[in-house]
Protein backbone atom coordinates (compact mmCIF):
# COMPACT_ATOMS: atom_id res chain seq x y z
CA MET A 1 -15.31 -55.15 -5.58
CA PRO A 2 -16.85 -55.36 -9.07
CA LEU A 3 -16.81 -52.16 -11.10
CA THR A 4 -20.60 -51.89 -11.12
CA ARG A 5 -20.71 -52.01 -7.33
CA LEU A 6 -17.91 -49.40 -7.09
CA LEU A 7 -19.83 -47.07 -9.41
CA ALA A 8 -23.03 -47.63 -7.44
CA ALA A 9 -21.23 -46.91 -4.17
CA ALA A 10 -19.68 -43.76 -5.65
CA ALA A 11 -23.10 -42.61 -6.82
CA LEU A 12 -24.57 -43.17 -3.36
CA CYS A 13 -21.70 -41.24 -1.76
CA GLY A 14 -22.18 -38.41 -4.24
CA ALA A 15 -25.91 -38.31 -3.53
CA ALA A 16 -25.25 -38.29 0.22
CA ALA A 17 -22.70 -35.51 -0.15
CA PHE A 18 -25.14 -33.51 -2.27
CA ALA A 19 -27.88 -33.98 0.30
CA SER A 20 -25.63 -32.97 3.18
CA ALA A 21 -24.55 -29.87 1.24
CA GLN A 22 -28.16 -28.93 0.61
CA GLU A 23 -29.54 -29.57 4.07
CA PRO A 24 -27.51 -26.86 5.88
CA ALA A 25 -28.66 -24.26 3.33
CA ALA A 26 -32.30 -25.19 3.85
CA ALA A 27 -31.99 -25.11 7.64
CA TYR A 28 -29.54 -22.21 7.73
CA PRO A 29 -28.63 -20.87 10.20
CA SER A 30 -28.71 -23.54 12.89
CA ARG A 31 -26.00 -21.94 15.05
CA ALA A 32 -24.19 -18.66 15.61
CA VAL A 33 -22.88 -16.67 12.64
CA THR A 34 -19.64 -14.68 12.86
CA ILE A 35 -18.98 -11.46 10.94
CA VAL A 36 -15.27 -10.67 10.73
CA VAL A 37 -14.55 -6.93 10.75
CA PRO A 38 -11.01 -6.46 9.39
CA PHE A 39 -10.37 -3.30 11.40
CA SER A 40 -10.04 -2.33 15.06
CA PRO A 41 -13.15 -1.62 17.17
CA GLY A 42 -14.56 1.87 16.85
CA GLY A 43 -15.38 4.01 13.85
CA ALA A 44 -18.23 3.88 11.35
CA THR A 45 -17.21 0.55 9.82
CA ASP A 46 -17.20 -1.32 13.12
CA LEU A 47 -20.30 0.51 14.36
CA SER A 48 -22.29 -0.44 11.28
CA ALA A 49 -21.26 -4.10 11.52
CA ARG A 50 -22.31 -4.35 15.16
CA GLN A 51 -25.67 -2.73 14.58
CA ILE A 52 -26.38 -4.86 11.53
CA ALA A 53 -25.33 -8.00 13.43
CA ALA A 54 -27.83 -7.25 16.21
CA LEU A 55 -30.63 -6.63 13.69
CA MET A 56 -29.83 -9.76 11.69
CA SER A 57 -29.81 -11.85 14.87
CA ARG A 58 -33.48 -11.05 15.38
CA ASP A 59 -34.37 -11.88 11.79
CA LEU A 60 -32.32 -15.09 11.49
CA GLY A 61 -33.15 -16.45 14.94
CA GLN A 62 -29.50 -17.17 15.77
CA PRO A 63 -26.73 -15.04 17.34
CA VAL A 64 -24.74 -12.97 14.83
CA VAL A 65 -21.49 -11.90 16.48
CA VAL A 66 -18.74 -9.51 15.38
CA GLU A 67 -15.09 -10.46 15.56
CA ASN A 68 -12.41 -7.81 14.93
CA ARG A 69 -9.28 -9.02 13.13
CA ALA A 70 -7.25 -5.95 12.22
CA GLY A 71 -3.99 -5.62 10.34
CA ALA A 72 -2.37 -5.31 6.91
CA GLY A 73 -4.89 -2.79 5.62
CA GLY A 74 -7.75 -5.15 6.40
CA MET A 75 -6.23 -8.15 4.62
CA ILE A 76 -5.68 -10.26 7.75
CA GLY A 77 -9.38 -10.34 8.57
CA MET A 78 -10.53 -10.75 4.98
CA ALA A 79 -8.00 -13.55 4.40
CA ALA A 80 -9.64 -15.43 7.28
CA VAL A 81 -12.99 -15.03 5.55
CA ALA A 82 -11.58 -16.18 2.21
CA ARG A 83 -10.21 -19.35 3.87
CA ALA A 84 -13.42 -20.14 5.75
CA ALA A 85 -15.78 -22.93 4.78
CA PRO A 86 -18.47 -21.61 2.39
CA ASP A 87 -21.31 -22.52 4.73
CA GLY A 88 -22.48 -19.06 5.81
CA TYR A 89 -21.16 -19.24 9.36
CA THR A 90 -18.08 -17.08 8.80
CA LEU A 91 -18.74 -13.84 6.90
CA GLY A 92 -16.79 -10.64 6.36
CA TRP A 93 -17.44 -6.92 6.54
CA GLY A 94 -15.69 -5.94 3.32
CA GLY A 95 -14.67 -2.39 2.45
CA ASN A 96 -12.62 -0.40 -0.06
CA SER A 97 -9.09 -1.09 1.07
CA PRO A 98 -9.08 -4.90 1.53
CA MET A 99 -11.62 -5.52 -1.25
CA SER A 100 -10.23 -3.38 -4.08
CA VAL A 101 -6.96 -1.61 -3.25
CA THR A 102 -4.47 -3.17 -0.82
CA PRO A 103 -4.19 -6.63 -2.43
CA HIS A 104 -3.16 -4.96 -5.71
CA VAL A 105 -0.25 -3.13 -4.07
CA THR A 106 0.97 -6.08 -2.00
CA LYS A 107 3.70 -8.40 -3.31
CA SER A 108 2.11 -11.63 -2.12
CA PRO A 109 -1.55 -10.90 -1.31
CA PRO A 110 -3.33 -13.68 0.60
CA TYR A 111 -6.31 -13.58 -1.78
CA ASP A 112 -7.59 -12.14 -5.05
CA PRO A 113 -10.46 -9.78 -4.08
CA ARG A 114 -12.14 -10.42 -7.45
CA LYS A 115 -12.40 -14.18 -6.88
CA ALA A 116 -12.15 -14.93 -3.15
CA PHE A 117 -15.56 -13.72 -1.97
CA THR A 118 -19.31 -14.01 -2.50
CA PRO A 119 -20.89 -10.51 -2.32
CA ILE A 120 -24.13 -10.42 -0.33
CA SER A 121 -25.19 -6.80 0.23
CA LEU A 122 -23.90 -3.31 0.75
CA ALA A 123 -24.55 -1.77 4.16
CA ALA A 124 -23.47 1.86 3.68
CA ILE A 125 -21.61 4.23 1.41
CA SER A 126 -19.78 7.45 2.05
CA SER A 127 -17.29 9.71 0.33
CA TRP A 128 -13.74 10.95 0.50
CA THR A 129 -13.37 14.67 1.16
CA LEU A 130 -10.47 16.68 -0.24
CA ALA A 131 -9.63 18.90 2.73
CA SER A 132 -6.98 21.33 3.91
CA PRO A 133 -6.17 23.49 6.93
CA PRO A 134 -8.06 26.81 6.89
CA LYS A 135 -4.83 28.78 6.35
CA LEU A 136 -4.21 27.34 2.86
CA ALA A 137 -4.50 30.24 0.40
CA ALA A 138 -7.32 28.76 -1.69
CA ALA A 139 -11.00 29.48 -1.12
CA ASP A 140 -12.35 26.77 -3.44
CA PHE A 141 -11.24 24.02 -5.80
CA ALA A 142 -10.48 26.41 -8.65
CA GLY A 143 -8.32 28.44 -6.29
CA LEU A 144 -6.56 25.28 -5.18
CA VAL A 145 -5.68 24.34 -8.76
CA LYS A 146 -4.43 27.89 -9.41
CA LEU A 147 -2.26 27.76 -6.28
CA ALA A 148 -0.79 24.37 -7.20
CA LYS A 149 -0.01 25.47 -10.76
CA ALA A 150 1.73 28.58 -9.46
CA GLN A 151 3.91 26.45 -7.13
CA PRO A 152 4.62 23.11 -8.91
CA GLY A 153 5.61 20.40 -6.46
CA LYS A 154 5.29 22.70 -3.45
CA VAL A 155 1.69 22.03 -2.35
CA SER A 156 1.79 18.79 -0.31
CA ILE A 157 -0.87 16.10 -0.09
CA ALA A 158 -0.92 13.48 2.65
CA SER A 159 -2.12 9.90 2.38
CA SER A 160 -2.59 6.93 4.67
CA GLY A 161 0.32 5.13 3.00
CA ASN A 162 1.79 4.29 -0.39
CA GLY A 163 -0.83 2.50 -2.46
CA SER A 164 -3.71 3.47 -0.16
CA ALA A 165 -6.94 4.84 -1.60
CA PRO A 166 -6.08 8.45 -0.58
CA HIS A 167 -2.70 8.05 -2.31
CA LEU A 168 -4.32 6.78 -5.51
CA LEU A 169 -6.89 9.57 -5.41
CA ALA A 170 -4.04 12.07 -5.06
CA GLU A 171 -2.36 10.63 -8.16
CA MET A 172 -5.66 10.81 -10.04
CA LEU A 173 -6.12 14.43 -8.93
CA LYS A 174 -2.67 15.35 -10.23
CA GLN A 175 -3.44 13.87 -13.64
CA SER A 176 -7.03 15.09 -13.89
CA ALA A 177 -6.34 18.68 -12.82
CA GLY A 178 -2.90 18.89 -14.44
CA ILE A 179 -1.10 19.84 -11.24
CA ASP A 180 2.07 18.68 -9.50
CA LEU A 181 1.61 17.87 -5.82
CA LEU A 182 4.12 16.57 -3.28
CA HIS A 183 2.91 13.23 -1.92
CA VAL A 184 3.60 12.65 1.80
CA PRO A 185 2.63 9.12 2.95
CA PHE A 186 1.74 8.37 6.58
CA LYS A 187 1.05 5.11 8.42
CA GLY A 188 -2.69 5.71 8.60
CA GLU A 189 -5.49 8.19 8.01
CA ILE A 190 -5.40 9.67 11.51
CA ASP A 191 -1.68 10.43 11.15
CA GLY A 192 -2.28 12.32 7.92
CA VAL A 193 -5.20 14.24 9.39
CA ASN A 194 -3.12 15.20 12.42
CA ALA A 195 -0.36 16.40 10.10
CA MET A 196 -2.90 18.63 8.32
CA LEU A 197 -4.17 19.97 11.62
CA GLY A 198 -0.59 20.69 12.66
CA GLY A 199 0.20 22.47 9.42
CA GLN A 200 2.83 19.97 8.24
CA VAL A 201 0.90 19.12 5.03
CA ASP A 202 -1.53 21.10 2.89
CA LEU A 203 -4.10 18.60 1.64
CA MET A 204 -5.52 15.12 2.07
CA PHE A 205 -8.34 12.96 0.78
CA THR A 206 -9.81 11.89 4.11
CA SER A 207 -12.96 9.91 4.81
CA THR A 208 -15.98 12.16 5.20
CA PRO A 209 -16.91 10.68 8.61
CA ALA A 210 -13.45 11.72 9.86
CA ALA A 211 -13.53 15.09 8.10
CA THR A 212 -17.06 16.17 9.03
CA PRO A 213 -16.60 17.20 12.69
CA LEU A 214 -13.31 18.94 11.87
CA ILE A 215 -14.85 20.90 8.99
CA GLN A 216 -17.89 21.79 11.07
CA ALA A 217 -15.60 23.03 13.85
CA GLY A 218 -13.61 25.16 11.40
CA ARG A 219 -10.40 23.18 11.88
CA LEU A 220 -10.39 22.00 8.25
CA LYS A 221 -12.01 23.23 5.06
CA GLY A 222 -13.37 21.01 2.31
CA PHE A 223 -12.99 21.47 -1.46
CA ALA A 224 -14.93 18.52 -2.87
CA VAL A 225 -16.45 15.13 -2.02
CA THR A 226 -15.99 12.07 -4.22
CA THR A 227 -19.53 10.66 -4.37
CA PRO A 228 -21.69 11.34 -7.47
CA ARG A 229 -24.10 13.31 -5.27
CA ARG A 230 -23.32 15.73 -2.45
CA ASP A 231 -22.72 14.01 0.86
CA PRO A 232 -25.59 14.68 3.30
CA ALA A 233 -23.05 15.06 6.10
CA LEU A 234 -21.45 18.03 4.27
CA PRO A 235 -24.13 19.31 1.87
CA GLU A 236 -22.37 22.63 1.34
CA ILE A 237 -19.32 21.00 -0.26
CA PRO A 238 -19.54 20.34 -4.03
CA THR A 239 -18.89 16.98 -5.65
CA VAL A 240 -15.78 16.32 -7.72
CA ALA A 241 -18.02 16.31 -10.80
CA GLU A 242 -19.33 19.77 -9.90
CA VAL A 243 -15.78 21.14 -9.76
CA GLY A 244 -14.92 19.61 -13.14
CA GLN A 245 -13.23 16.37 -12.00
CA PRO A 246 -15.76 13.57 -12.65
CA ASP A 247 -12.99 10.97 -12.97
CA LEU A 248 -12.41 11.28 -9.23
CA SER A 249 -15.87 9.92 -8.34
CA PHE A 250 -15.39 7.06 -5.88
CA GLU A 251 -17.53 5.77 -3.02
CA ILE A 252 -16.30 4.55 0.32
CA PHE A 253 -18.32 1.38 0.85
CA PHE A 254 -18.72 -1.48 3.25
CA GLY A 255 -20.99 -4.48 3.27
CA LEU A 256 -21.42 -8.18 3.86
CA VAL A 257 -19.53 -10.85 1.93
CA GLY A 258 -18.89 -14.56 2.38
CA PRO A 259 -16.21 -16.92 1.09
CA ALA A 260 -16.33 -17.86 -2.58
CA GLY A 261 -18.82 -20.63 -3.30
CA LEU A 262 -21.45 -19.67 -0.74
CA PRO A 263 -24.66 -21.60 -1.58
CA PRO A 264 -27.26 -19.45 -3.40
CA ALA A 265 -29.92 -20.31 -0.80
CA VAL A 266 -27.67 -18.98 1.98
CA VAL A 267 -26.84 -15.86 -0.05
CA ASP A 268 -30.53 -15.18 -0.65
CA LYS A 269 -31.40 -15.60 3.03
CA LEU A 270 -28.57 -13.31 4.16
CA ALA A 271 -29.36 -10.71 1.50
CA ALA A 272 -32.99 -10.59 2.63
CA ALA A 273 -31.91 -10.19 6.26
CA MET A 274 -29.49 -7.43 5.26
CA LYS A 275 -32.20 -5.56 3.35
CA LYS A 276 -34.41 -5.54 6.46
CA ALA A 277 -31.54 -4.53 8.73
CA VAL A 278 -30.36 -1.65 6.53
CA ALA A 279 -33.95 -0.35 6.32
CA ASP A 280 -34.19 -0.15 10.12
CA PRO A 281 -34.81 3.51 11.12
CA GLY A 282 -32.44 3.28 14.09
CA TYR A 283 -29.60 2.01 11.90
CA ARG A 284 -30.23 4.64 9.23
CA ASP A 285 -30.25 7.44 11.79
CA SER A 286 -27.08 6.15 13.43
CA MET A 287 -25.27 6.00 10.09
CA LYS A 288 -26.43 9.51 9.21
CA LYS A 289 -24.93 10.82 12.45
CA ALA A 290 -21.69 8.99 11.63
CA GLY A 291 -21.53 10.72 8.24
CA VAL A 292 -22.44 7.77 6.03
CA VAL A 293 -25.54 6.77 4.06
CA ALA A 294 -27.24 3.46 4.89
CA THR A 295 -27.46 1.61 1.57
CA SER A 296 -28.46 -1.97 0.79
CA SER A 297 -28.08 -3.77 -2.53
CA THR A 298 -28.64 -7.05 -4.27
CA PRO A 299 -25.69 -9.46 -4.43
CA GLN A 300 -25.43 -8.68 -8.15
CA GLU A 301 -25.29 -4.92 -7.53
CA PHE A 302 -22.58 -5.39 -4.90
CA GLN A 303 -20.64 -7.64 -7.31
CA ALA A 304 -20.82 -4.95 -10.02
CA LEU A 305 -19.57 -2.27 -7.59
CA LEU A 306 -16.65 -4.48 -6.54
CA ALA A 307 -15.74 -5.18 -10.16
CA ARG A 308 -15.84 -1.48 -11.01
CA HIS A 309 -13.67 -0.50 -8.05
CA ASN A 310 -11.09 -3.21 -8.73
CA GLU A 311 -10.89 -2.27 -12.39
CA ARG A 312 -10.47 1.44 -11.74
CA TRP A 313 -7.96 1.08 -8.89
CA LEU A 314 -5.87 -1.39 -10.93
CA ASP A 315 -5.83 1.08 -13.81
CA VAL A 316 -4.62 3.88 -11.52
CA ILE A 317 -1.95 1.62 -9.99
CA GLN A 318 -0.63 0.54 -13.37
CA ARG A 319 -0.72 3.98 -15.00
CA ASN A 320 1.18 5.51 -12.08
CA ARG A 321 3.63 2.59 -11.88
CA ILE A 322 2.87 2.06 -8.19
CA THR A 323 4.82 -1.05 -7.25
CA PRO A 324 3.75 -3.64 -4.66
CA GLU A 325 5.40 -3.41 -1.24
């Protein structure tokens, strides 16, 4: 075939490919959308995804279904999202661990959280709560620091595993407050909380939704929460900034992401649907009862939050020489 005809054919193919790429975005969605939740059913993360999915289904005019793919600190589910076609039909419910922590402490992570996803919108934020059993001989954060300084390496702090967010927060606390704590890693958050309740460990940064009912029942006491403002679930507990530790300010977050390269028209449509869903009074009330704050964002705001979390967690990991496992 003459070169001119080959070039013309290539141009036609390119135009056809461009048109086919644009048409799905304009008509999106024309079939069911799946949101992959990288954790087991139950809990605030899964609850929020299911409620948002139902609300988005109404707005988008197509079923939005939740699929749980748990394992590897959330990386199994998020890896499936990263590998999916960037057409808006497979999305992910991204959160702290798989989006900013676990990949950085894994020898061969299946994705780079800074490059593998298209942020769409936050759905909710919450805090970590530094908690202890009631018997610990410290009435407040200042008393805790005094106790730890009087007994270097004796006050123990649990985490949900080496390299987990509670572990990194513990290392930051040690540096920021100038105290020596004994780190005791567990397989998950619930194991660490149970160890606190059983008196085997003294402290833990636990998620506020998990801590709230235990603190309200008097089974744990809280010293500080990690959000910039007091958590509405535990308004009596000061922030880390209020107790003189502003470097410990970190949100727990979750929200909607897609694979890298999601078309802008699809992103805009999903972001608009998310904004409506997060504003729903029923969703906001449900999240409040679960101990989290319903929060939407623009894709750019979500991108900035992800960049900030990745940068800060990487800095903590490197400064503390935490090696990948």
